[in-house]
Amino acid sequence: MALLITDECIACAACLPECPNEAIFENLEDCEAEGLEVTGEEEGEDTETQMSYVDGDNIYVIAYDRCTECVGHFDEPQCAAVCPVSDCCISDPTYPETSAVLLDKVKKLNPDKDIDESLVWSGVRN
């Protein structure tokens, strides 16, 4: 499952350099400029998706197709680990993915990096 950033975001930028997959963007416009989407755009949902938290350009966003919850890189999502705001980086219920799916995704996104398959955090669905 990808993570999303809530409207609790204070735009401190602590998360931006920590993402090993470059899935975090300063705003929706920057994300879309890379040809990536955030959850909720494709269906126009009003439920708990990344789009339900986007209010202008005041929060950072996570592109779900690049987010692997840091599986294969770290034993916890780095955006959540460095964020000074509690519950700002949370699991996105729109994209539940198992550790196997996330490991496959991280290998495709990072073909030249060494991926440690033992690095899976406890929040991943299996």
C-alpha atoms as a PDB file:
ATOM      1  CA  MET A   1       0.000   0.000   0.000  1.00  0.00           C
ATOM      2  CA  ALA A   2       1.315   3.423  -0.763  1.00  0.00           C
ATOM      3  CA  LEU A   3       1.460   6.111   1.857  1.00  0.00           C
ATOM      4  CA  LEU A   4      -0.201   9.504   1.688  1.00  0.00           C
ATOM      5  CA  ILE A   5       0.431  12.850   3.340  1.00  0.00           C
ATOM      6  CA  THR A   6      -2.448  14.395   5.269  1.00  0.00           C
ATOM      7  CA  ASP A   7      -3.428  18.023   5.625  1.00  0.00           C
ATOM      8  CA  GLU A   8      -1.463  18.031   8.890  1.00  0.00           C
ATOM      9  CA  CYS A   9       1.599  18.609   6.681  1.00  0.00           C
ATOM     10  CA  ILE A  10       3.529  21.739   7.669  1.00  0.00           C
ATOM     11  CA  ALA A  11       5.614  21.716   4.451  1.00  0.00           C
ATOM     12  CA  CYS A  12       8.879  21.411   6.382  1.00  0.00           C
ATOM     13  CA  ALA A  13      10.470  19.315   3.580  1.00  0.00           C
ATOM     14  CA  ALA A  14      12.001  16.792   6.001  1.00  0.00           C
ATOM     15  CA  CYS A  15      10.522  13.901   4.010  1.00  0.00           C
ATOM     16  CA  LEU A  16      11.561  15.002   0.536  1.00  0.00           C
ATOM     17  CA  PRO A  17      15.218  13.899   0.537  1.00  0.00           C
ATOM     18  CA  GLU A  18      14.463  10.733   2.539  1.00  0.00           C
ATOM     19  CA  CYS A  19      12.349   8.928  -0.067  1.00  0.00           C
ATOM     20  CA  PRO A  20      14.488   6.284  -1.814  1.00  0.00           C
ATOM     21  CA  ASN A  21      12.054   6.146  -4.750  1.00  0.00           C
ATOM     22  CA  GLU A  22      11.600   9.901  -5.287  1.00  0.00           C
ATOM     23  CA  ALA A  23       7.855   9.514  -4.735  1.00  0.00           C
ATOM     24  CA  ILE A  24       7.367  12.722  -2.716  1.00  0.00           C
ATOM     25  CA  PHE A  25       6.696  16.080  -4.324  1.00  0.00           C
ATOM     26  CA  GLU A  26       6.314  19.587  -2.928  1.00  0.00           C
ATOM     27  CA  ASN A  27       2.857  19.910  -4.442  1.00  0.00           C
ATOM     28  CA  LEU A  28       0.369  18.306  -6.791  1.00  0.00           C
ATOM     29  CA  GLU A  29       1.523  20.371  -9.762  1.00  0.00           C
ATOM     30  CA  ASP A  30       5.122  19.114  -9.454  1.00  0.00           C
ATOM     31  CA  CYS A  31       3.888  15.527  -9.186  1.00  0.00           C
ATOM     32  CA  GLU A  32       1.708  15.845 -12.264  1.00  0.00           C
ATOM     33  CA  ALA A  33       4.539  17.510 -14.195  1.00  0.00           C
ATOM     34  CA  GLU A  34       6.438  14.216 -13.832  1.00  0.00           C
ATOM     35  CA  GLY A  35       3.449  12.333 -15.279  1.00  0.00           C
ATOM     36  CA  LEU A  36       2.578  10.809 -11.904  1.00  0.00           C
ATOM     37  CA  GLU A  37      -0.720  10.738 -10.020  1.00  0.00           C
ATOM     38  CA  VAL A  38      -1.860  10.753  -6.434  1.00  0.00           C
ATOM     39  CA  THR A  39      -4.751   8.655  -5.157  1.00  0.00           C
ATOM     40  CA  GLY A  40      -8.191  10.054  -5.721  1.00  0.00           C
ATOM     41  CA  GLU A  41      -7.422  11.824  -8.991  1.00  0.00           C
ATOM     42  CA  GLU A  42      -8.454   8.921 -11.182  1.00  0.00           C
ATOM     43  CA  GLU A  43     -11.830   8.370  -9.553  1.00  0.00           C
ATOM     44  CA  GLY A  44     -12.628  11.792  -8.119  1.00  0.00           C
ATOM     45  CA  GLU A  45     -13.052  10.208  -4.707  1.00  0.00           C
ATOM     46  CA  ASP A  46     -13.930  12.134  -1.568  1.00  0.00           C
ATOM     47  CA  THR A  47     -12.787   9.390   0.775  1.00  0.00           C
ATOM     48  CA  GLU A  48      -9.430   9.197   2.511  1.00  0.00           C
ATOM     49  CA  THR A  49      -7.140   9.526  -0.491  1.00  0.00           C
ATOM     50  CA  GLN A  50      -4.255  11.888  -1.150  1.00  0.00           C
ATOM     51  CA  MET A  51      -6.604  14.190  -3.100  1.00  0.00           C
ATOM     52  CA  SER A  52      -8.924  14.472  -0.107  1.00  0.00           C
ATOM     53  CA  TYR A  53      -6.066  16.264   1.698  1.00  0.00           C
ATOM     54  CA  VAL A  54      -4.783  18.445  -1.138  1.00  0.00           C
ATOM     55  CA  ASP A  55      -5.887  22.026  -0.612  1.00  0.00           C
ATOM     56  CA  GLY A  56      -4.038  24.169  -3.080  1.00  0.00           C
ATOM     57  CA  ASP A  57      -0.274  23.833  -2.995  1.00  0.00           C
ATOM     58  CA  ASN A  58       0.256  23.872   0.750  1.00  0.00           C
ATOM     59  CA  ILE A  59       1.093  20.204   1.379  1.00  0.00           C
ATOM     60  CA  TYR A  60       3.506  17.688  -0.010  1.00  0.00           C
ATOM     61  CA  VAL A  61       2.120  14.711  -1.938  1.00  0.00           C
ATOM     62  CA  ILE A  62       3.168  11.101  -2.533  1.00  0.00           C
ATOM     63  CA  ALA A  63       2.850   9.506  -5.972  1.00  0.00           C
ATOM     64  CA  TYR A  64       1.339   6.079  -5.286  1.00  0.00           C
ATOM     65  CA  ASP A  65       2.952   4.370  -8.269  1.00  0.00           C
ATOM     66  CA  ARG A  66       6.433   5.211  -6.923  1.00  0.00           C
ATOM     67  CA  CYS A  67       5.779   4.619  -3.208  1.00  0.00           C
ATOM     68  CA  THR A  68       6.943   1.255  -1.889  1.00  0.00           C
ATOM     69  CA  GLU A  69       6.652   2.175   1.800  1.00  0.00           C
ATOM     70  CA  CYS A  70      10.475   1.918   1.821  1.00  0.00           C
ATOM     71  CA  VAL A  71      10.222  -1.897   1.599  1.00  0.00           C
ATOM     72  CA  GLY A  72      13.572  -3.278   0.489  1.00  0.00           C
ATOM     73  CA  HIS A  73      15.382  -0.095   1.559  1.00  0.00           C
ATOM     74  CA  PHE A  74      14.495   0.477   5.233  1.00  0.00           C
ATOM     75  CA  ASP A  75      12.574  -1.271   8.004  1.00  0.00           C
ATOM     76  CA  GLU A  76      10.073   1.612   8.258  1.00  0.00           C
ATOM     77  CA  PRO A  77       8.775   4.321   5.905  1.00  0.00           C
ATOM     78  CA  GLN A  78      11.314   7.127   6.041  1.00  0.00           C
ATOM     79  CA  CYS A  79       8.821   9.923   5.394  1.00  0.00           C
ATOM     80  CA  ALA A  80       6.928   8.977   8.547  1.00  0.00           C
ATOM     81  CA  ALA A  81      10.139   8.418  10.513  1.00  0.00           C
ATOM     82  CA  VAL A  82      11.486  11.934   9.894  1.00  0.00           C
ATOM     83  CA  CYS A  83       8.186  13.827   9.920  1.00  0.00           C
ATOM     84  CA  PRO A  84       7.845  16.111  12.972  1.00  0.00           C
ATOM     85  CA  VAL A  85       4.031  15.797  12.813  1.00  0.00           C
ATOM     86  CA  SER A  86       2.344  12.672  14.198  1.00  0.00           C
ATOM     87  CA  ASP A  87       0.125  10.804  11.742  1.00  0.00           C
ATOM     88  CA  CYS A  88       0.990  13.042   8.814  1.00  0.00           C
ATOM     89  CA  CYS A  89       2.345  10.209   6.624  1.00  0.00           C
ATOM     90  CA  ILE A  90      -0.190   7.393   6.784  1.00  0.00           C
ATOM     91  CA  SER A  91      -1.139   4.262   4.852  1.00  0.00           C
ATOM     92  CA  ASP A  92      -3.263   4.948   1.805  1.00  0.00           C
ATOM     93  CA  PRO A  93      -6.223   2.528   1.905  1.00  0.00           C
ATOM     94  CA  THR A  94      -6.764   2.911  -1.846  1.00  0.00           C
ATOM     95  CA  TYR A  95      -3.700   0.787  -2.668  1.00  0.00           C
ATOM     96  CA  PRO A  96      -3.302  -2.192  -0.333  1.00  0.00           C
ATOM     97  CA  GLU A  97      -0.206  -4.087  -1.475  1.00  0.00           C
ATOM     98  CA  THR A  98       1.564  -7.086   0.024  1.00  0.00           C
ATOM     99  CA  SER A  99       5.272  -7.101   0.781  1.00  0.00           C
ATOM    100  CA  ALA A 100       5.806  -9.291  -2.310  1.00  0.00           C
ATOM    101  CA  VAL A 101       4.094  -6.724  -4.550  1.00  0.00           C
ATOM    102  CA  LEU A 102       6.042  -3.876  -2.945  1.00  0.00           C
ATOM    103  CA  LEU A 103       9.342  -5.749  -3.343  1.00  0.00           C
ATOM    104  CA  ASP A 104       8.578  -6.359  -7.019  1.00  0.00           C
ATOM    105  CA  LYS A 105       7.737  -2.662  -7.465  1.00  0.00           C
ATOM    106  CA  VAL A 106      10.929  -1.489  -5.724  1.00  0.00           C
ATOM    107  CA  LYS A 107      13.063  -3.749  -7.910  1.00  0.00           C
ATOM    108  CA  LYS A 108      11.465  -2.334 -11.065  1.00  0.00           C
ATOM    109  CA  LEU A 109      11.880   1.254  -9.848  1.00  0.00           C
ATOM    110  CA  ASN A 110      15.498   0.702  -8.768  1.00  0.00           C
ATOM    111  CA  PRO A 111      17.061  -1.893 -11.074  1.00  0.00           C
ATOM    112  CA  ASP A 112      20.613  -0.795 -10.230  1.00  0.00           C
ATOM    113  CA  LYS A 113      20.242  -0.743  -6.423  1.00  0.00           C
ATOM    114  CA  ASP A 114      20.745  -3.585  -3.989  1.00  0.00           C
ATOM    115  CA  ILE A 115      17.365  -4.428  -2.445  1.00  0.00           C
ATOM    116  CA  ASP A 116      17.246  -6.174   0.927  1.00  0.00           C
ATOM    117  CA  GLU A 117      14.119  -8.343   0.931  1.00  0.00           C
ATOM    118  CA  SER A 118      14.239  -8.623   4.723  1.00  0.00           C
ATOM    119  CA  LEU A 119      13.513  -4.906   5.129  1.00  0.00           C
ATOM    120  CA  VAL A 120       9.731  -4.863   5.494  1.00  0.00           C
ATOM    121  CA  TRP A 121       7.921  -2.845   8.154  1.00  0.00           C
ATOM    122  CA  SER A 122       5.107  -4.220  10.288  1.00  0.00           C
ATOM    123  CA  GLY A 123       2.415  -2.068   8.648  1.00  0.00           C
ATOM    124  CA  VAL A 124       2.623  -3.881   5.297  1.00  0.00           C
ATOM    125  CA  ARG A 125      -0.262  -6.245   4.504  1.00  0.00           C
ATOM    126  CA  ASN A 126       0.868  -9.803   3.895  1.00  0.00           C
END
